[in-house]
């Protein structure tokens, strides 16, 4: 299942590329994505990463061990490494492991001049 979520539409997440091995998404920063201090809210960054990772997990499983199943995120580990106030965020999610029971995805979110803002590892299971 690769249908867009209502939250991704609300946030303005745009899928740029999507295969069974890798997905790329982007988000243009708006005022409602920011904290009171003017930088992007970590929840916005994690939502971008989650959306991108879930898309690649679904695609990999649809073409692999779990056709038609929706992959549900059950674990997320993040390291926030930076932030920014304006511009575009890009998430690149790659499959680490795609098995019958679990799928692991690693996502890197970058900002201006490809500065790494966050590294996220997610685990998904078929619903």
C-alpha atoms as a PDB file:
ATOM      1  CA  UNK A   1       0.000   0.000   0.000  1.00  0.00           C
ATOM      2  CA  UNK A   2       1.567   3.283  -1.081  1.00  0.00           C
ATOM      3  CA  UNK A   3      -1.395   5.627  -0.632  1.00  0.00           C
ATOM      4  CA  UNK A   4      -0.500   8.993   0.916  1.00  0.00           C
ATOM      5  CA  UNK A   5      -1.533   9.582   4.517  1.00  0.00           C
ATOM      6  CA  UNK A   6      -3.738  12.545   5.458  1.00  0.00           C
ATOM      7  CA  UNK A   7      -0.942  13.821   7.725  1.00  0.00           C
ATOM      8  CA  UNK A   8       1.596  13.841   4.888  1.00  0.00           C
ATOM      9  CA  UNK A   9      -0.809  15.904   2.789  1.00  0.00           C
ATOM     10  CA  UNK A  10      -1.440  18.285   5.708  1.00  0.00           C
ATOM     11  CA  UNK A  11       2.299  18.790   6.300  1.00  0.00           C
ATOM     12  CA  UNK A  12       3.000  19.185   2.580  1.00  0.00           C
ATOM     13  CA  UNK A  13       5.276  16.158   2.231  1.00  0.00           C
ATOM     14  CA  UNK A  14       6.064  15.431  -1.409  1.00  0.00           C
ATOM     15  CA  UNK A  15       7.354  12.048  -2.575  1.00  0.00           C
ATOM     16  CA  UNK A  16      10.189  12.619  -5.053  1.00  0.00           C
ATOM     17  CA  UNK A  17      11.251   9.017  -5.735  1.00  0.00           C
ATOM     18  CA  UNK A  18       9.978   5.647  -4.568  1.00  0.00           C
ATOM     19  CA  UNK A  19      11.222   2.126  -5.268  1.00  0.00           C
ATOM     20  CA  UNK A  20      11.323  -1.108  -3.278  1.00  0.00           C
ATOM     21  CA  UNK A  21      14.843  -0.207  -2.076  1.00  0.00           C
ATOM     22  CA  UNK A  22      14.729   3.562  -1.525  1.00  0.00           C
ATOM     23  CA  UNK A  23      12.289   6.445  -1.107  1.00  0.00           C
ATOM     24  CA  UNK A  24      12.985  10.167  -1.224  1.00  0.00           C
ATOM     25  CA  UNK A  25      10.616  12.809   0.158  1.00  0.00           C
ATOM     26  CA  UNK A  26      10.856  16.559   0.575  1.00  0.00           C
ATOM     27  CA  UNK A  27       9.167  19.188   2.681  1.00  0.00           C
ATOM     28  CA  UNK A  28       9.289  22.936   2.155  1.00  0.00           C
ATOM     29  CA  UNK A  29       9.454  24.577   5.581  1.00  0.00           C
ATOM     30  CA  UNK A  30       6.428  26.723   6.485  1.00  0.00           C
ATOM     31  CA  UNK A  31       5.740  28.860   9.550  1.00  0.00           C
ATOM     32  CA  UNK A  32       3.448  26.182  11.009  1.00  0.00           C
ATOM     33  CA  UNK A  33       6.314  23.639  10.954  1.00  0.00           C
ATOM     34  CA  UNK A  34       8.360  25.720  13.412  1.00  0.00           C
ATOM     35  CA  UNK A  35       8.794  25.982  17.175  1.00  0.00           C
ATOM     36  CA  UNK A  36       8.371  29.306  19.019  1.00  0.00           C
ATOM     37  CA  UNK A  37      12.160  29.757  18.660  1.00  0.00           C
ATOM     38  CA  UNK A  38      11.871  29.694  14.857  1.00  0.00           C
ATOM     39  CA  UNK A  39      13.460  26.339  13.966  1.00  0.00           C
ATOM     40  CA  UNK A  40      11.701  23.270  12.581  1.00  0.00           C
ATOM     41  CA  UNK A  41       9.821  21.282  15.219  1.00  0.00           C
ATOM     42  CA  UNK A  42      11.397  17.862  15.772  1.00  0.00           C
ATOM     43  CA  UNK A  43       7.935  16.335  15.285  1.00  0.00           C
ATOM     44  CA  UNK A  44       7.894  17.727  11.753  1.00  0.00           C
ATOM     45  CA  UNK A  45      11.285  16.182  11.008  1.00  0.00           C
ATOM     46  CA  UNK A  46      10.216  12.832  12.478  1.00  0.00           C
ATOM     47  CA  UNK A  47       6.910  12.914  10.587  1.00  0.00           C
ATOM     48  CA  UNK A  48       8.809  13.432   7.325  1.00  0.00           C
ATOM     49  CA  UNK A  49      11.119  10.522   8.164  1.00  0.00           C
ATOM     50  CA  UNK A  50       8.253   8.261   9.264  1.00  0.00           C
ATOM     51  CA  UNK A  51       6.238   8.967   6.115  1.00  0.00           C
ATOM     52  CA  UNK A  52       9.209   8.287   3.846  1.00  0.00           C
ATOM     53  CA  UNK A  53      10.253   5.128   5.737  1.00  0.00           C
ATOM     54  CA  UNK A  54       6.725   3.727   5.778  1.00  0.00           C
ATOM     55  CA  UNK A  55       6.407   4.310   2.034  1.00  0.00           C
ATOM     56  CA  UNK A  56       9.567   2.330   1.249  1.00  0.00           C
ATOM     57  CA  UNK A  57       8.644  -0.397   3.759  1.00  0.00           C
ATOM     58  CA  UNK A  58       5.231  -0.778   2.115  1.00  0.00           C
ATOM     59  CA  UNK A  59       6.703  -0.853  -1.393  1.00  0.00           C
ATOM     60  CA  UNK A  60       9.400  -3.381  -0.443  1.00  0.00           C
ATOM     61  CA  UNK A  61       6.891  -5.674   1.231  1.00  0.00           C
ATOM     62  CA  UNK A  62       4.307  -5.326  -1.517  1.00  0.00           C
ATOM     63  CA  UNK A  63       6.914  -6.464  -4.028  1.00  0.00           C
ATOM     64  CA  UNK A  64       8.386  -8.981  -1.565  1.00  0.00           C
ATOM     65  CA  UNK A  65       7.336 -11.085   1.420  1.00  0.00           C
ATOM     66  CA  UNK A  66       4.012  -9.428   2.386  1.00  0.00           C
ATOM     67  CA  UNK A  67       2.007  -8.385  -0.711  1.00  0.00           C
ATOM     68  CA  UNK A  68      -0.984  -6.214   0.184  1.00  0.00           C
ATOM     69  CA  UNK A  69      -0.068  -5.809   3.866  1.00  0.00           C
ATOM     70  CA  UNK A  70       0.231  -2.358   5.413  1.00  0.00           C
ATOM     71  CA  UNK A  71       3.497  -1.990   7.301  1.00  0.00           C
ATOM     72  CA  UNK A  72       3.001  -0.487  10.758  1.00  0.00           C
ATOM     73  CA  UNK A  73       5.814   1.327  12.542  1.00  0.00           C
ATOM     74  CA  UNK A  74       6.517  -0.317  15.912  1.00  0.00           C
ATOM     75  CA  UNK A  75       9.892   1.162  16.847  1.00  0.00           C
ATOM     76  CA  UNK A  76      11.705   4.413  16.044  1.00  0.00           C
ATOM     77  CA  UNK A  77      15.175   5.530  17.114  1.00  0.00           C
ATOM     78  CA  UNK A  78      16.283   9.025  16.217  1.00  0.00           C
ATOM     79  CA  UNK A  79      19.346  11.164  16.597  1.00  0.00           C
ATOM     80  CA  UNK A  80      18.752  14.851  16.014  1.00  0.00           C
ATOM     81  CA  UNK A  81      21.973  16.402  14.712  1.00  0.00           C
ATOM     82  CA  UNK A  82      20.970  19.871  13.559  1.00  0.00           C
ATOM     83  CA  UNK A  83      18.136  22.158  12.555  1.00  0.00           C
ATOM     84  CA  UNK A  84      17.255  25.096  10.347  1.00  0.00           C
ATOM     85  CA  UNK A  85      14.617  27.814   9.994  1.00  0.00           C
ATOM     86  CA  UNK A  86      13.897  28.000   6.276  1.00  0.00           C
ATOM     87  CA  UNK A  87      14.315  26.100   3.037  1.00  0.00           C
ATOM     88  CA  UNK A  88      13.653  22.479   2.218  1.00  0.00           C
ATOM     89  CA  UNK A  89      14.095  19.246   4.176  1.00  0.00           C
ATOM     90  CA  UNK A  90      14.843  16.033   2.287  1.00  0.00           C
ATOM     91  CA  UNK A  91      14.414  12.513   3.654  1.00  0.00           C
ATOM     92  CA  UNK A  92      16.089   9.492   2.079  1.00  0.00           C
ATOM     93  CA  UNK A  93      14.901   6.117   3.382  1.00  0.00           C
ATOM     94  CA  UNK A  94      16.664   2.863   2.512  1.00  0.00           C
ATOM     95  CA  UNK A  95      15.734  -0.711   3.330  1.00  0.00           C
ATOM     96  CA  UNK A  96      18.162  -2.352   5.757  1.00  0.00           C
ATOM     97  CA  UNK A  97      16.212  -5.617   6.034  1.00  0.00           C
ATOM     98  CA  UNK A  98      12.913  -6.726   4.515  1.00  0.00           C
ATOM     99  CA  UNK A  99      11.681  -9.997   5.966  1.00  0.00           C
ATOM    100  CA  UNK A 100       8.411 -11.795   6.462  1.00  0.00           C
ATOM    101  CA  UNK A 101       8.038 -10.548  10.054  1.00  0.00           C
ATOM    102  CA  UNK A 102      10.014  -7.302  10.296  1.00  0.00           C
ATOM    103  CA  UNK A 103      11.324  -4.613   8.019  1.00  0.00           C
ATOM    104  CA  UNK A 104      14.054  -2.212   9.144  1.00  0.00           C
ATOM    105  CA  UNK A 105      14.565   1.134   7.415  1.00  0.00           C
ATOM    106  CA  UNK A 106      17.267   3.754   7.871  1.00  0.00           C
ATOM    107  CA  UNK A 107      16.369   7.368   7.048  1.00  0.00           C
ATOM    108  CA  UNK A 108      18.600  10.417   6.825  1.00  0.00           C
ATOM    109  CA  UNK A 109      17.004  13.870   6.843  1.00  0.00           C
ATOM    110  CA  UNK A 110      19.070  16.669   5.352  1.00  0.00           C
ATOM    111  CA  UNK A 111      18.604  20.404   5.009  1.00  0.00           C
ATOM    112  CA  UNK A 112      20.351  23.277   3.284  1.00  0.00           C
ATOM    113  CA  UNK A 113      23.599  22.292   1.521  1.00  0.00           C
ATOM    114  CA  UNK A 114      22.903  18.626   2.396  1.00  0.00           C
ATOM    115  CA  UNK A 115      23.582  19.224   6.098  1.00  0.00           C
ATOM    116  CA  UNK A 116      22.490  16.118   8.033  1.00  0.00           C
ATOM    117  CA  UNK A 117      19.763  17.101  10.490  1.00  0.00           C
ATOM    118  CA  UNK A 118      18.615  13.682  11.704  1.00  0.00           C
ATOM    119  CA  UNK A 119      19.321   9.974  11.415  1.00  0.00           C
ATOM    120  CA  UNK A 120      16.366   7.680  12.099  1.00  0.00           C
ATOM    121  CA  UNK A 121      16.026   3.898  12.189  1.00  0.00           C
ATOM    122  CA  UNK A 122      12.523   2.427  12.126  1.00  0.00           C
ATOM    123  CA  UNK A 123      11.126  -1.084  12.477  1.00  0.00           C
ATOM    124  CA  UNK A 124       7.861  -2.042  10.753  1.00  0.00           C
ATOM    125  CA  UNK A 125       5.639  -5.115  10.935  1.00  0.00           C
ATOM    126  CA  UNK A 126       2.760  -6.207   8.655  1.00  0.00           C
ATOM    127  CA  UNK A 127      -0.692  -5.306   9.989  1.00  0.00           C
END
